[in-house]
């Protein structure tokens, strides 16, 4: 089985955010949750994947990290 970029989904205090996803993206999110659920041996809700996916994306975006560092140094 392929190694997914996400592993366990951390349990953190949430901030409610409402978003609209294209249907195709929602289907992919549900499919990802199904694969991850099988790998972890526990049920993972698709909505709980959004935050770790966004965090992973932002943590690996070099341009974003550089901009944040520059902003901290200035301000």
N, C-alpha and C. Protein backbone atom coordinates (compact mmCIF):
# COMPACT_ATOMS: atom_id res chain seq x y z
N UNK A 1 0.84 -1.17 0.00
CA UNK A 1 0.00 0.00 0.00
C UNK A 1 0.89 1.25 0.00
N UNK A 2 0.49 2.27 -0.71
CA UNK A 2 1.27 3.50 -0.82
C UNK A 2 1.32 4.24 0.51
N UNK A 3 2.44 4.88 0.79
CA UNK A 3 2.61 5.68 2.00
C UNK A 3 2.01 7.06 1.76
N UNK A 4 0.99 7.42 2.55
CA UNK A 4 0.36 8.72 2.42
C UNK A 4 1.16 9.78 3.16
N UNK A 5 1.01 11.03 2.77
CA UNK A 5 1.72 12.12 3.43
C UNK A 5 1.18 12.39 4.82
N UNK A 6 -0.09 12.11 5.06
CA UNK A 6 -0.67 12.30 6.39
C UNK A 6 -0.62 10.99 7.14
N UNK A 7 -0.48 11.09 8.45
CA UNK A 7 -0.57 9.90 9.29
C UNK A 7 -1.72 10.14 10.25
N UNK A 8 -1.49 10.03 11.53
CA UNK A 8 -2.55 10.25 12.51
C UNK A 8 -3.03 11.69 12.44
N UNK A 9 -4.32 11.87 12.66
CA UNK A 9 -4.91 13.20 12.64
C UNK A 9 -4.95 13.71 14.07
N UNK A 10 -4.22 14.81 14.38
CA UNK A 10 -4.18 15.30 15.75
C UNK A 10 -5.53 15.81 16.22
N UNK A 11 -5.80 15.63 17.50
CA UNK A 11 -7.03 16.12 18.09
C UNK A 11 -6.71 17.47 18.72
N UNK A 12 -7.16 18.54 18.10
CA UNK A 12 -6.83 19.89 18.53
C UNK A 12 -8.13 20.69 18.65
N UNK A 13 -8.11 21.75 19.46
CA UNK A 13 -9.30 22.59 19.58
C UNK A 13 -9.57 23.28 18.25
N UNK A 14 -10.73 23.03 17.67
CA UNK A 14 -11.00 23.57 16.35
C UNK A 14 -11.54 25.00 16.37
N UNK A 15 -11.35 25.67 15.26
CA UNK A 15 -11.99 26.95 14.97
C UNK A 15 -12.91 26.67 13.80
N UNK A 16 -14.17 27.01 13.94
CA UNK A 16 -15.12 26.68 12.88
C UNK A 16 -14.88 27.54 11.65
N UNK A 17 -14.82 26.88 10.51
CA UNK A 17 -14.60 27.53 9.24
C UNK A 17 -15.49 26.82 8.23
N UNK A 18 -16.26 27.59 7.49
CA UNK A 18 -17.14 27.00 6.48
C UNK A 18 -16.55 27.27 5.11
N UNK A 19 -16.39 26.21 4.33
CA UNK A 19 -15.85 26.34 2.97
C UNK A 19 -16.72 25.57 2.00
N UNK A 20 -16.68 25.97 0.76
CA UNK A 20 -17.36 25.24 -0.30
C UNK A 20 -16.28 24.59 -1.16
N UNK A 21 -16.39 23.30 -1.35
CA UNK A 21 -15.44 22.55 -2.16
C UNK A 21 -16.09 22.13 -3.47
N UNK A 22 -15.33 22.10 -4.54
CA UNK A 22 -15.87 21.50 -5.76
C UNK A 22 -16.18 20.03 -5.48
N UNK A 23 -17.20 19.52 -6.14
CA UNK A 23 -17.63 18.13 -5.91
C UNK A 23 -16.48 17.14 -6.14
N UNK A 24 -15.67 17.38 -7.16
CA UNK A 24 -14.57 16.45 -7.45
C UNK A 24 -13.54 16.45 -6.32
N UNK A 25 -13.27 17.61 -5.73
CA UNK A 25 -12.34 17.68 -4.61
C UNK A 25 -12.92 16.97 -3.39
N UNK A 26 -14.21 17.12 -3.16
CA UNK A 26 -14.85 16.43 -2.03
C UNK A 26 -14.77 14.92 -2.22
N UNK A 27 -15.00 14.45 -3.43
CA UNK A 27 -14.89 13.00 -3.70
C UNK A 27 -13.48 12.51 -3.41
N UNK A 28 -12.48 13.29 -3.82
CA UNK A 28 -11.09 12.91 -3.55
C UNK A 28 -10.79 12.92 -2.05
N UNK A 29 -11.33 13.89 -1.34
CA UNK A 29 -11.14 13.95 0.11
C UNK A 29 -11.75 12.73 0.79
N UNK A 30 -12.93 12.34 0.37
CA UNK A 30 -13.59 11.15 0.92
C UNK A 30 -12.76 9.91 0.60
N UNK A 31 -12.26 9.81 -0.62
CA UNK A 31 -11.43 8.66 -1.01
C UNK A 31 -10.15 8.62 -0.18
N UNK A 32 -9.53 9.78 0.04
CA UNK A 32 -8.31 9.85 0.84
C UNK A 32 -8.61 9.37 2.26
N UNK A 33 -9.71 9.82 2.82
CA UNK A 33 -10.10 9.41 4.18
C UNK A 33 -10.31 7.90 4.25
N UNK A 34 -10.87 7.32 3.21
CA UNK A 34 -11.08 5.87 3.19
C UNK A 34 -9.75 5.12 3.19
N UNK A 35 -8.80 5.58 2.38
CA UNK A 35 -7.49 4.93 2.33
C UNK A 35 -6.78 5.09 3.67
N UNK A 36 -6.80 6.28 4.22
CA UNK A 36 -6.14 6.53 5.51
C UNK A 36 -6.81 5.71 6.62
N UNK A 37 -8.12 5.59 6.58
CA UNK A 37 -8.84 4.78 7.57
C UNK A 37 -8.37 3.33 7.53
N UNK A 38 -8.18 2.81 6.32
CA UNK A 38 -7.69 1.43 6.20
C UNK A 38 -6.28 1.31 6.74
N UNK A 39 -5.42 2.29 6.46
CA UNK A 39 -4.04 2.23 6.93
C UNK A 39 -3.95 2.33 8.44
N UNK A 40 -4.79 3.18 9.04
CA UNK A 40 -4.74 3.38 10.49
C UNK A 40 -5.56 2.36 11.26
N UNK A 41 -6.48 1.70 10.57
CA UNK A 41 -7.35 0.74 11.24
C UNK A 41 -8.40 1.41 12.10
N UNK A 42 -8.71 2.66 11.78
CA UNK A 42 -9.77 3.38 12.51
C UNK A 42 -10.44 4.34 11.54
N UNK A 43 -11.68 4.70 11.83
CA UNK A 43 -12.43 5.57 10.96
C UNK A 43 -11.90 7.00 11.04
N UNK A 44 -11.65 7.61 9.89
CA UNK A 44 -11.21 9.00 9.81
C UNK A 44 -12.25 9.77 9.02
N UNK A 45 -12.79 10.83 9.61
CA UNK A 45 -13.77 11.66 8.93
C UNK A 45 -13.06 12.56 7.92
N UNK A 46 -13.58 12.65 6.71
CA UNK A 46 -12.95 13.49 5.69
C UNK A 46 -12.75 14.94 6.15
N UNK A 47 -13.70 15.52 6.83
CA UNK A 47 -13.59 16.92 7.27
C UNK A 47 -12.39 17.12 8.21
N UNK A 48 -12.03 16.09 8.97
CA UNK A 48 -10.90 16.21 9.89
C UNK A 48 -9.55 16.21 9.18
N UNK A 49 -9.55 15.91 7.89
CA UNK A 49 -8.31 15.90 7.13
C UNK A 49 -7.94 17.27 6.58
N UNK A 50 -8.91 18.16 6.48
CA UNK A 50 -8.67 19.46 5.85
C UNK A 50 -7.58 20.23 6.58
N UNK A 51 -7.66 20.35 7.89
CA UNK A 51 -6.67 21.12 8.65
C UNK A 51 -5.26 20.54 8.52
N UNK A 52 -5.05 19.23 8.74
CA UNK A 52 -3.69 18.71 8.59
C UNK A 52 -3.17 18.80 7.15
N UNK A 53 -4.06 18.69 6.17
CA UNK A 53 -3.63 18.83 4.78
C UNK A 53 -3.17 20.26 4.50
N UNK A 54 -3.94 21.23 4.97
CA UNK A 54 -3.55 22.63 4.79
C UNK A 54 -2.25 22.93 5.53
N UNK A 55 -2.13 22.43 6.74
CA UNK A 55 -0.91 22.65 7.52
C UNK A 55 0.30 22.05 6.80
N UNK A 56 0.15 20.85 6.29
CA UNK A 56 1.23 20.18 5.56
C UNK A 56 1.61 20.97 4.32
N UNK A 57 0.60 21.43 3.59
CA UNK A 57 0.85 22.20 2.39
C UNK A 57 1.62 23.48 2.72
N UNK A 58 1.17 24.22 3.73
CA UNK A 58 1.83 25.48 4.07
C UNK A 58 3.23 25.25 4.63
N UNK A 59 3.43 24.16 5.37
CA UNK A 59 4.74 23.90 5.95
C UNK A 59 5.77 23.50 4.90
N UNK A 60 5.32 23.07 3.74
CA UNK A 60 6.25 22.67 2.68
C UNK A 60 6.35 23.69 1.56
N UNK A 61 5.66 24.83 1.71
CA UNK A 61 5.70 25.89 0.70
C UNK A 61 6.85 26.83 1.03
N UNK A 62 7.95 26.71 0.31
CA UNK A 62 9.15 27.49 0.61
C UNK A 62 8.93 28.99 0.47
N UNK A 63 8.18 29.40 -0.54
CA UNK A 63 7.93 30.83 -0.73
C UNK A 63 7.14 31.40 0.44
N UNK A 64 6.19 30.64 0.94
CA UNK A 64 5.40 31.08 2.10
C UNK A 64 6.30 31.21 3.33
N UNK A 65 7.14 30.22 3.55
CA UNK A 65 8.05 30.23 4.72
C UNK A 65 9.00 31.43 4.63
N UNK A 66 9.53 31.68 3.45
CA UNK A 66 10.44 32.80 3.27
C UNK A 66 9.73 34.13 3.55
N UNK A 67 8.52 34.29 3.04
CA UNK A 67 7.75 35.50 3.26
C UNK A 67 7.45 35.70 4.75
N UNK A 68 7.10 34.62 5.44
CA UNK A 68 6.82 34.72 6.89
C UNK A 68 8.07 35.13 7.66
N UNK A 69 9.22 34.54 7.30
CA UNK A 69 10.48 34.90 7.97
C UNK A 69 10.79 36.36 7.74
N UNK A 70 10.67 36.83 6.52
CA UNK A 70 10.96 38.23 6.20
C UNK A 70 10.03 39.17 6.96
N UNK A 71 8.78 38.80 7.06
CA UNK A 71 7.80 39.63 7.77
C UNK A 71 8.16 39.71 9.25
N UNK A 72 8.57 38.58 9.86
CA UNK A 72 8.96 38.57 11.27
C UNK A 72 10.20 39.44 11.51
N UNK A 73 11.15 39.39 10.58
CA UNK A 73 12.39 40.16 10.72
C UNK A 73 12.12 41.66 10.64
N UNK A 74 11.15 42.04 9.81
CA UNK A 74 10.82 43.46 9.64
C UNK A 74 9.98 43.98 10.80
N UNK A 75 8.98 43.20 11.17
CA UNK A 75 8.00 43.70 12.12
C UNK A 75 8.17 43.23 13.48
